[in-house]
């Protein structure tokens, strides 16, 4: 079980652009991610064919319109947060 979050610079920039209400939802979902990777409301899924730094890219649902993208760093026991935003963030991968 991974027990820490490592946000990228891009993730932090993306997060700052979101409304306070959405940022609050992001924090809640990230807390759930740390508790249980498969928590039902997260809708955790591996993005088919998407990689970042040679690792599979995963997503969790923040709400109907927003997602968090991340990779799992087993060596560092951490989730590396790549990006947060609307569905169009998927286009990068």
N, C-alpha and C. Protein backbone atom coordinates (compact mmCIF):
# COMPACT_ATOMS: atom_id res chain seq x y z
N UNK A 1 0.84 -1.18 0.00
CA UNK A 1 0.00 0.00 0.00
C UNK A 1 0.88 1.25 0.00
N UNK A 2 0.62 2.12 -0.90
CA UNK A 2 1.38 3.36 -1.00
C UNK A 2 0.85 4.35 0.04
N UNK A 3 1.77 5.10 0.66
CA UNK A 3 1.30 5.94 1.75
C UNK A 3 1.66 7.42 1.63
N UNK A 4 2.12 7.86 0.46
CA UNK A 4 2.38 9.30 0.33
C UNK A 4 2.12 9.76 -1.10
N UNK A 5 1.95 11.07 -1.22
CA UNK A 5 1.68 11.71 -2.50
C UNK A 5 2.85 12.61 -2.86
N UNK A 6 3.26 12.57 -4.12
CA UNK A 6 4.31 13.45 -4.62
C UNK A 6 3.76 14.22 -5.81
N UNK A 7 3.32 15.45 -5.60
CA UNK A 7 2.77 16.22 -6.72
C UNK A 7 3.86 16.80 -7.62
N UNK A 8 3.64 16.71 -8.92
CA UNK A 8 4.55 17.33 -9.88
C UNK A 8 4.28 18.83 -9.92
N UNK A 9 5.19 19.58 -10.52
CA UNK A 9 4.97 21.02 -10.68
C UNK A 9 3.71 21.28 -11.51
N UNK A 10 3.54 20.48 -12.56
CA UNK A 10 2.36 20.66 -13.40
C UNK A 10 1.08 20.40 -12.61
N UNK A 11 1.08 19.37 -11.77
CA UNK A 11 -0.09 19.09 -10.95
C UNK A 11 -0.42 20.29 -10.07
N UNK A 12 0.59 20.86 -9.43
CA UNK A 12 0.37 22.02 -8.55
C UNK A 12 -0.18 23.20 -9.35
N UNK A 13 0.39 23.45 -10.53
CA UNK A 13 -0.13 24.55 -11.38
C UNK A 13 -1.57 24.30 -11.77
N UNK A 14 -1.87 23.06 -12.19
CA UNK A 14 -3.25 22.70 -12.56
C UNK A 14 -4.20 22.91 -11.39
N UNK A 15 -3.78 22.48 -10.22
CA UNK A 15 -4.62 22.57 -9.03
C UNK A 15 -4.94 24.02 -8.69
N UNK A 16 -3.96 24.89 -8.82
CA UNK A 16 -4.16 26.30 -8.50
C UNK A 16 -5.17 26.97 -9.42
N UNK A 17 -5.35 26.44 -10.61
CA UNK A 17 -6.28 27.02 -11.58
C UNK A 17 -7.73 26.60 -11.32
N UNK A 18 -7.92 25.60 -10.47
CA UNK A 18 -9.26 25.10 -10.20
C UNK A 18 -9.97 25.95 -9.15
N UNK A 19 -11.29 25.89 -9.16
CA UNK A 19 -12.07 26.62 -8.16
C UNK A 19 -11.83 26.03 -6.77
N UNK A 20 -12.07 26.82 -5.73
CA UNK A 20 -11.91 26.29 -4.36
C UNK A 20 -12.76 25.04 -4.10
N UNK A 21 -13.95 24.99 -4.68
CA UNK A 21 -14.83 23.83 -4.49
C UNK A 21 -14.21 22.57 -5.10
N UNK A 22 -13.65 22.70 -6.29
CA UNK A 22 -13.04 21.54 -6.94
C UNK A 22 -11.75 21.14 -6.21
N UNK A 23 -10.96 22.11 -5.76
CA UNK A 23 -9.74 21.79 -5.00
C UNK A 23 -10.09 21.00 -3.74
N UNK A 24 -11.18 21.36 -3.09
CA UNK A 24 -11.61 20.62 -1.89
C UNK A 24 -11.95 19.17 -2.25
N UNK A 25 -12.62 18.98 -3.38
CA UNK A 25 -12.95 17.62 -3.84
C UNK A 25 -11.69 16.84 -4.16
N UNK A 26 -10.71 17.50 -4.78
CA UNK A 26 -9.44 16.84 -5.11
C UNK A 26 -8.79 16.34 -3.82
N UNK A 27 -8.71 17.20 -2.81
CA UNK A 27 -8.09 16.80 -1.53
C UNK A 27 -8.81 15.59 -0.92
N UNK A 28 -10.13 15.61 -0.97
CA UNK A 28 -10.91 14.49 -0.42
C UNK A 28 -10.61 13.19 -1.16
N UNK A 29 -10.58 13.27 -2.49
CA UNK A 29 -10.33 12.06 -3.28
C UNK A 29 -8.89 11.55 -3.07
N UNK A 30 -7.94 12.45 -2.92
CA UNK A 30 -6.56 12.01 -2.68
C UNK A 30 -6.44 11.34 -1.31
N UNK A 31 -7.18 11.83 -0.33
CA UNK A 31 -7.19 11.16 0.98
C UNK A 31 -7.74 9.75 0.86
N UNK A 32 -8.80 9.59 0.06
CA UNK A 32 -9.36 8.26 -0.17
C UNK A 32 -8.37 7.36 -0.90
N UNK A 33 -7.65 7.93 -1.86
CA UNK A 33 -6.65 7.16 -2.60
C UNK A 33 -5.60 6.59 -1.65
N UNK A 34 -5.15 7.39 -0.71
CA UNK A 34 -4.16 6.92 0.26
C UNK A 34 -4.72 5.82 1.16
N UNK A 35 -6.02 5.87 1.42
CA UNK A 35 -6.65 4.86 2.28
C UNK A 35 -6.90 3.55 1.53
N UNK A 36 -7.39 3.67 0.28
CA UNK A 36 -7.79 2.47 -0.47
C UNK A 36 -7.78 2.79 -1.96
N UNK A 37 -6.79 2.29 -2.66
CA UNK A 37 -6.59 2.49 -4.09
C UNK A 37 -7.86 2.18 -4.90
N UNK A 38 -8.63 1.21 -4.44
CA UNK A 38 -9.83 0.76 -5.16
C UNK A 38 -11.13 1.28 -4.55
N UNK A 39 -11.07 2.33 -3.76
CA UNK A 39 -12.29 2.86 -3.16
C UNK A 39 -13.29 3.17 -4.28
N UNK A 40 -14.54 2.72 -4.14
CA UNK A 40 -15.51 2.81 -5.26
C UNK A 40 -15.68 4.20 -5.87
N UNK A 41 -15.75 5.26 -5.07
CA UNK A 41 -16.00 6.59 -5.64
C UNK A 41 -14.82 7.13 -6.44
N UNK A 42 -13.65 6.50 -6.31
CA UNK A 42 -12.48 6.96 -7.07
C UNK A 42 -12.56 6.54 -8.54
N UNK A 43 -13.23 5.43 -8.82
CA UNK A 43 -13.29 4.90 -10.19
C UNK A 43 -11.87 4.78 -10.76
N UNK A 44 -10.98 4.20 -9.99
CA UNK A 44 -9.57 4.07 -10.39
C UNK A 44 -9.47 3.24 -11.66
N UNK A 45 -8.71 3.76 -12.64
CA UNK A 45 -8.50 2.98 -13.86
C UNK A 45 -7.13 3.27 -14.45
N UNK A 46 -6.57 2.22 -15.05
CA UNK A 46 -5.30 2.36 -15.77
C UNK A 46 -5.63 2.83 -17.18
N UNK A 47 -4.94 3.87 -17.64
CA UNK A 47 -5.18 4.38 -18.99
C UNK A 47 -4.44 3.49 -19.98
N UNK A 48 -5.18 2.88 -20.85
CA UNK A 48 -4.62 1.95 -21.82
C UNK A 48 -3.60 2.62 -22.74
N UNK A 49 -2.41 2.09 -22.77
CA UNK A 49 -1.36 2.59 -23.66
C UNK A 49 -0.70 3.88 -23.21
N UNK A 50 -1.09 4.40 -22.06
CA UNK A 50 -0.53 5.67 -21.58
C UNK A 50 0.60 5.40 -20.59
N UNK A 51 1.75 6.05 -20.84
CA UNK A 51 2.87 5.93 -19.93
C UNK A 51 3.48 7.30 -19.64
N UNK A 52 4.14 7.38 -18.51
CA UNK A 52 4.85 8.58 -18.09
C UNK A 52 6.07 8.09 -17.34
N UNK A 53 7.24 8.52 -17.76
CA UNK A 53 8.50 8.07 -17.15
C UNK A 53 8.59 6.55 -17.14
N UNK A 54 8.06 5.93 -18.19
CA UNK A 54 8.13 4.49 -18.34
C UNK A 54 7.17 3.70 -17.47
N UNK A 55 6.25 4.37 -16.80
CA UNK A 55 5.30 3.69 -15.92
C UNK A 55 3.87 3.92 -16.42
N UNK A 56 2.98 2.98 -16.09
CA UNK A 56 1.57 3.11 -16.46
C UNK A 56 0.94 4.32 -15.79
N UNK A 57 0.09 5.01 -16.55
CA UNK A 57 -0.65 6.16 -16.01
C UNK A 57 -2.01 5.67 -15.54
N UNK A 58 -2.39 6.12 -14.36
CA UNK A 58 -3.68 5.80 -13.75
C UNK A 58 -4.48 7.07 -13.59
N UNK A 59 -5.81 6.93 -13.44
CA UNK A 59 -6.65 8.09 -13.16
C UNK A 59 -7.64 7.77 -12.05
N UNK A 60 -8.01 8.82 -11.32
CA UNK A 60 -9.12 8.73 -10.38
C UNK A 60 -10.09 9.85 -10.69
N UNK A 61 -11.33 9.65 -10.34
CA UNK A 61 -12.38 10.63 -10.59
C UNK A 61 -12.47 11.59 -9.40
N UNK A 62 -12.50 12.88 -9.72
CA UNK A 62 -12.74 13.90 -8.70
C UNK A 62 -14.24 14.20 -8.66
N UNK A 63 -14.81 14.43 -9.83
CA UNK A 63 -16.25 14.61 -10.01
C UNK A 63 -16.56 14.24 -11.45
N UNK A 64 -17.73 14.56 -11.93
CA UNK A 64 -18.11 14.17 -13.30
C UNK A 64 -17.18 14.75 -14.35
N UNK A 65 -16.56 15.89 -14.07
CA UNK A 65 -15.76 16.58 -15.08
C UNK A 65 -14.26 16.56 -14.85
N UNK A 66 -13.80 16.24 -13.67
CA UNK A 66 -12.38 16.38 -13.33
C UNK A 66 -11.75 15.04 -12.95
N UNK A 67 -10.48 14.90 -13.33
CA UNK A 67 -9.72 13.70 -13.04
C UNK A 67 -8.34 14.07 -12.51
N UNK A 68 -7.75 13.14 -11.78
CA UNK A 68 -6.35 13.24 -11.36
C UNK A 68 -5.61 12.10 -12.06
N UNK A 69 -4.48 12.43 -12.70
CA UNK A 69 -3.64 11.43 -13.33
C UNK A 69 -2.40 11.23 -12.48
N UNK A 70 -1.98 9.97 -12.35
CA UNK A 70 -0.82 9.67 -11.50
C UNK A 70 -0.14 8.39 -11.95
N UNK A 71 1.07 8.20 -11.47
CA UNK A 71 1.77 6.93 -11.63
C UNK A 71 2.10 6.41 -10.24
N UNK A 72 2.37 5.12 -10.18
CA UNK A 72 2.71 4.50 -8.90
C UNK A 72 4.21 4.28 -8.85
N UNK A 73 4.87 4.88 -7.87
CA UNK A 73 6.29 4.69 -7.62
C UNK A 73 6.45 3.69 -6.49
N UNK A 74 6.51 2.41 -6.82
CA UNK A 74 6.62 1.40 -5.77
C UNK A 74 7.93 1.55 -5.00
N UNK A 75 8.99 1.93 -5.72
CA UNK A 75 10.30 2.06 -5.07
C UNK A 75 10.28 3.15 -3.99
N UNK A 76 9.51 4.20 -4.23
CA UNK A 76 9.45 5.32 -3.29
C UNK A 76 8.19 5.26 -2.42
N UNK A 77 7.41 4.21 -2.59
CA UNK A 77 6.17 4.05 -1.83
C UNK A 77 5.30 5.30 -1.94
N UNK A 78 5.06 5.75 -3.18
CA UNK A 78 4.34 7.00 -3.38
C UNK A 78 3.53 6.98 -4.68
N UNK A 79 2.49 7.81 -4.67
CA UNK A 79 1.77 8.13 -5.90
C UNK A 79 2.34 9.44 -6.41
N UNK A 80 2.84 9.44 -7.64
CA UNK A 80 3.38 10.65 -8.25
C UNK A 80 2.25 11.28 -9.06
N UNK A 81 1.77 12.43 -8.61
CA UNK A 81 0.62 13.09 -9.22
C UNK A 81 1.08 13.90 -10.43
N UNK A 82 0.61 13.52 -11.60
CA UNK A 82 1.05 14.12 -12.86
C UNK A 82 0.24 15.37 -13.20
N UNK A 83 -1.09 15.24 -13.16
CA UNK A 83 -1.95 16.34 -13.61
C UNK A 83 -3.32 16.21 -12.99
N UNK A 84 -4.04 17.32 -12.96
CA UNK A 84 -5.43 17.34 -12.53
C UNK A 84 -6.17 18.32 -13.43
N UNK A 85 -7.38 17.96 -13.81
CA UNK A 85 -8.15 18.85 -14.67
C UNK A 85 -9.32 18.13 -15.29
N UNK A 86 -9.89 18.77 -16.30
CA UNK A 86 -11.03 18.20 -17.01
C UNK A 86 -10.54 17.06 -17.91
N UNK A 87 -11.49 16.39 -18.53
CA UNK A 87 -11.18 15.21 -19.34
C UNK A 87 -10.11 15.45 -20.40
N UNK A 88 -9.95 16.68 -20.86
CA UNK A 88 -8.97 16.93 -21.92
C UNK A 88 -7.53 16.67 -21.47
N UNK A 89 -7.28 16.48 -20.18
CA UNK A 89 -5.91 16.13 -19.75
C UNK A 89 -5.51 14.77 -20.28
N UNK A 90 -6.50 13.92 -20.62
CA UNK A 90 -6.19 12.60 -21.18
C UNK A 90 -5.48 12.72 -22.53
N UNK A 91 -5.74 13.78 -23.25
CA UNK A 91 -5.18 13.93 -24.61
C UNK A 91 -3.66 13.93 -24.61
N UNK A 92 -3.06 14.30 -23.50
CA UNK A 92 -1.60 14.35 -23.42
C UNK A 92 -0.96 12.97 -23.48
N UNK A 93 -1.76 11.95 -23.23
CA UNK A 93 -1.18 10.60 -23.15
C UNK A 93 -1.71 9.75 -24.23
